[in-house]
Amino acid sequence: MKFSEMVAHFAEALPGTESFKLAKNDCEAIIRDEPSQAAAAFLIAGFCRTYVLLYEDQALSMEFAQRNKEQLLYYMRYLDHALGINDPVVAYQAINEVVQQYVASDRIF
């Protein structure tokens, strides 16, 4: 599994905790199989894990679920673009930027 494949799977999935669970599983495969993408996958897996822990047993509105999916998908695409450049410095900077954006956000997950 490559990061780009995980992003595509998540983009096609319906909003909700199930898509976050699947993305987390994909991230674990990336961490295992693609060492150069492991840090980005670890970050996304953490977001997914938190989302599932917070919201799995709650009834969520479609709007809330869609907004959360779009936020995570934004982070995923940002990281995927950086990983596609194939420069560890660019990847590190993108991971750092996503963390900074997350800290400044509502921290939904």
C-alpha atoms as a PDB file:
ATOM      1  CA  MET A   1       0.000   0.000   0.000  1.00  0.00           C
ATOM      2  CA  LYS A   2       1.252   3.459  -0.905  1.00  0.00           C
ATOM      3  CA  PHE A   3       0.139   6.759   0.582  1.00  0.00           C
ATOM      4  CA  SER A   4      -1.555   7.811  -2.679  1.00  0.00           C
ATOM      5  CA  GLU A   5      -3.636   4.638  -2.684  1.00  0.00           C
ATOM      6  CA  MET A   6      -4.765   5.268   0.882  1.00  0.00           C
ATOM      7  CA  VAL A   7      -5.774   8.816  -0.021  1.00  0.00           C
ATOM      8  CA  ALA A   8      -7.798   7.559  -2.994  1.00  0.00           C
ATOM      9  CA  HIS A   9      -9.563   4.934  -0.859  1.00  0.00           C
ATOM     10  CA  PHE A  10     -10.453   7.507   1.778  1.00  0.00           C
ATOM     11  CA  ALA A  11     -11.669  10.031  -0.815  1.00  0.00           C
ATOM     12  CA  GLU A  12     -14.072   7.442  -2.241  1.00  0.00           C
ATOM     13  CA  ALA A  13     -15.377   6.236   1.133  1.00  0.00           C
ATOM     14  CA  LEU A  14     -18.548   7.510   2.743  1.00  0.00           C
ATOM     15  CA  PRO A  15     -18.072   9.956   5.633  1.00  0.00           C
ATOM     16  CA  GLY A  16     -18.087   8.424   9.096  1.00  0.00           C
ATOM     17  CA  THR A  17     -16.052   6.405  11.534  1.00  0.00           C
ATOM     18  CA  GLU A  18     -15.859   3.368   9.253  1.00  0.00           C
ATOM     19  CA  SER A  19     -13.848   5.298   6.646  1.00  0.00           C
ATOM     20  CA  PHE A  20     -11.491   6.508   9.379  1.00  0.00           C
ATOM     21  CA  LYS A  21     -11.012   2.904  10.568  1.00  0.00           C
ATOM     22  CA  LEU A  22     -10.171   1.775   7.049  1.00  0.00           C
ATOM     23  CA  ALA A  23      -7.738   4.668   6.575  1.00  0.00           C
ATOM     24  CA  LYS A  24      -6.031   3.776   9.862  1.00  0.00           C
ATOM     25  CA  ASN A  25      -5.611   0.188   8.659  1.00  0.00           C
ATOM     26  CA  ASP A  26      -4.199   1.434   5.360  1.00  0.00           C
ATOM     27  CA  CYS A  27      -1.786   3.671   7.279  1.00  0.00           C
ATOM     28  CA  GLU A  28      -0.555   0.696   9.272  1.00  0.00           C
ATOM     29  CA  ALA A  29       0.178  -1.123   6.004  1.00  0.00           C
ATOM     30  CA  ILE A  30       2.060   1.929   4.716  1.00  0.00           C
ATOM     31  CA  ILE A  31       4.124   2.119   7.906  1.00  0.00           C
ATOM     32  CA  ARG A  32       5.024  -1.541   7.464  1.00  0.00           C
ATOM     33  CA  ASP A  33       5.629  -1.507   3.699  1.00  0.00           C
ATOM     34  CA  GLU A  34       6.820   2.004   2.763  1.00  0.00           C
ATOM     35  CA  PRO A  35       9.449   3.303   5.221  1.00  0.00           C
ATOM     36  CA  SER A  36       9.847   6.610   3.383  1.00  0.00           C
ATOM     37  CA  GLN A  37       6.125   7.325   3.928  1.00  0.00           C
ATOM     38  CA  ALA A  38       5.905   5.998   7.491  1.00  0.00           C
ATOM     39  CA  ALA A  39       5.980   9.315   9.375  1.00  0.00           C
ATOM     40  CA  ALA A  40       3.167  10.821   7.295  1.00  0.00           C
ATOM     41  CA  ALA A  41       1.134   7.633   7.633  1.00  0.00           C
ATOM     42  CA  PHE A  42       1.725   7.566  11.390  1.00  0.00           C
ATOM     43  CA  LEU A  43       0.404  11.122  11.715  1.00  0.00           C
ATOM     44  CA  ILE A  44      -2.734  10.343   9.697  1.00  0.00           C
ATOM     45  CA  ALA A  45      -3.259   7.061  11.586  1.00  0.00           C
ATOM     46  CA  GLY A  46      -3.211   9.029  14.835  1.00  0.00           C
ATOM     47  CA  PHE A  47      -5.871  11.409  13.550  1.00  0.00           C
ATOM     48  CA  CYS A  48      -7.983   8.445  12.449  1.00  0.00           C
ATOM     49  CA  ARG A  49      -7.573   6.627  15.744  1.00  0.00           C
ATOM     50  CA  THR A  50      -8.615   9.695  17.726  1.00  0.00           C
ATOM     51  CA  TYR A  51     -11.643  10.284  15.513  1.00  0.00           C
ATOM     52  CA  VAL A  52     -12.842   6.721  15.985  1.00  0.00           C
ATOM     53  CA  LEU A  53     -12.288   6.835  19.751  1.00  0.00           C
ATOM     54  CA  LEU A  54     -14.204  10.099  20.052  1.00  0.00           C
ATOM     55  CA  TYR A  55     -17.109   9.474  17.715  1.00  0.00           C
ATOM     56  CA  GLU A  56     -17.650   5.753  17.101  1.00  0.00           C
ATOM     57  CA  ASP A  57     -20.475   5.420  19.624  1.00  0.00           C
ATOM     58  CA  GLN A  58     -22.151   8.717  18.778  1.00  0.00           C
ATOM     59  CA  ALA A  59     -24.830   9.625  16.289  1.00  0.00           C
ATOM     60  CA  LEU A  60     -23.178  12.182  14.017  1.00  0.00           C
ATOM     61  CA  SER A  61     -24.855  14.452  11.533  1.00  0.00           C
ATOM     62  CA  MET A  62     -23.891  13.933   7.916  1.00  0.00           C
ATOM     63  CA  GLU A  63     -22.652  17.525   7.816  1.00  0.00           C
ATOM     64  CA  PHE A  64     -20.318  16.959  10.789  1.00  0.00           C
ATOM     65  CA  ALA A  65     -18.999  13.689   9.349  1.00  0.00           C
ATOM     66  CA  GLN A  66     -18.483  15.237   5.911  1.00  0.00           C
ATOM     67  CA  ARG A  67     -16.659  18.262   7.354  1.00  0.00           C
ATOM     68  CA  ASN A  68     -14.313  15.990   9.310  1.00  0.00           C
ATOM     69  CA  LYS A  69     -13.678  13.812   6.283  1.00  0.00           C
ATOM     70  CA  GLU A  70     -12.856  16.871   4.179  1.00  0.00           C
ATOM     71  CA  GLN A  71     -10.456  18.179   6.824  1.00  0.00           C
ATOM     72  CA  LEU A  72      -8.566  14.897   7.019  1.00  0.00           C
ATOM     73  CA  LEU A  73      -8.603  14.553   3.237  1.00  0.00           C
ATOM     74  CA  TYR A  74      -7.032  18.009   2.971  1.00  0.00           C
ATOM     75  CA  TYR A  75      -4.196  16.897   5.273  1.00  0.00           C
ATOM     76  CA  MET A  76      -3.809  13.642   3.341  1.00  0.00           C
ATOM     77  CA  ARG A  77      -3.606  15.365  -0.029  1.00  0.00           C
ATOM     78  CA  TYR A  78      -1.141  17.927   1.274  1.00  0.00           C
ATOM     79  CA  LEU A  79       1.130  15.162   2.547  1.00  0.00           C
ATOM     80  CA  ASP A  80       0.638  13.059  -0.582  1.00  0.00           C
ATOM     81  CA  HIS A  81       1.762  15.946  -2.768  1.00  0.00           C
ATOM     82  CA  ALA A  82       4.887  16.423  -0.654  1.00  0.00           C
ATOM     83  CA  LEU A  83       5.669  12.700  -0.657  1.00  0.00           C
ATOM     84  CA  GLY A  84       5.324  12.697  -4.442  1.00  0.00           C
ATOM     85  CA  ILE A  85       8.235  15.132  -4.708  1.00  0.00           C
ATOM     86  CA  ASN A  86      10.411  12.364  -3.250  1.00  0.00           C
ATOM     87  CA  ASP A  87      12.542  14.680  -1.114  1.00  0.00           C
ATOM     88  CA  PRO A  88      12.740  13.888   2.626  1.00  0.00           C
ATOM     89  CA  VAL A  89      13.137  17.569   3.485  1.00  0.00           C
ATOM     90  CA  VAL A  90       9.930  18.465   1.635  1.00  0.00           C
ATOM     91  CA  ALA A  91       8.106  15.572   3.319  1.00  0.00           C
ATOM     92  CA  TYR A  92       9.320  16.660   6.750  1.00  0.00           C
ATOM     93  CA  GLN A  93       8.249  20.246   6.104  1.00  0.00           C
ATOM     94  CA  ALA A  94       4.796  19.070   4.995  1.00  0.00           C
ATOM     95  CA  ILE A  95       4.370  16.912   8.095  1.00  0.00           C
ATOM     96  CA  ASN A  96       5.403  19.865  10.236  1.00  0.00           C
ATOM     97  CA  GLU A  97       2.956  22.128   8.396  1.00  0.00           C
ATOM     98  CA  VAL A  98       0.074  19.686   8.897  1.00  0.00           C
ATOM     99  CA  VAL A  99       0.850  19.520  12.618  1.00  0.00           C
ATOM    100  CA  GLN A 100       0.886  23.319  12.813  1.00  0.00           C
ATOM    101  CA  GLN A 101      -2.411  23.551  10.923  1.00  0.00           C
ATOM    102  CA  TYR A 102      -3.957  20.932  13.191  1.00  0.00           C
ATOM    103  CA  VAL A 103      -2.838  22.752  16.354  1.00  0.00           C
ATOM    104  CA  ALA A 104      -4.408  25.965  15.044  1.00  0.00           C
ATOM    105  CA  SER A 105      -7.654  24.176  14.100  1.00  0.00           C
ATOM    106  CA  ASP A 106     -10.691  23.131  16.133  1.00  0.00           C
ATOM    107  CA  ARG A 107      -8.962  19.789  16.779  1.00  0.00           C
ATOM    108  CA  ILE A 108     -12.044  17.794  15.879  1.00  0.00           C
ATOM    109  CA  PHE A 109      -9.994  14.594  15.870  1.00  0.00           C
END
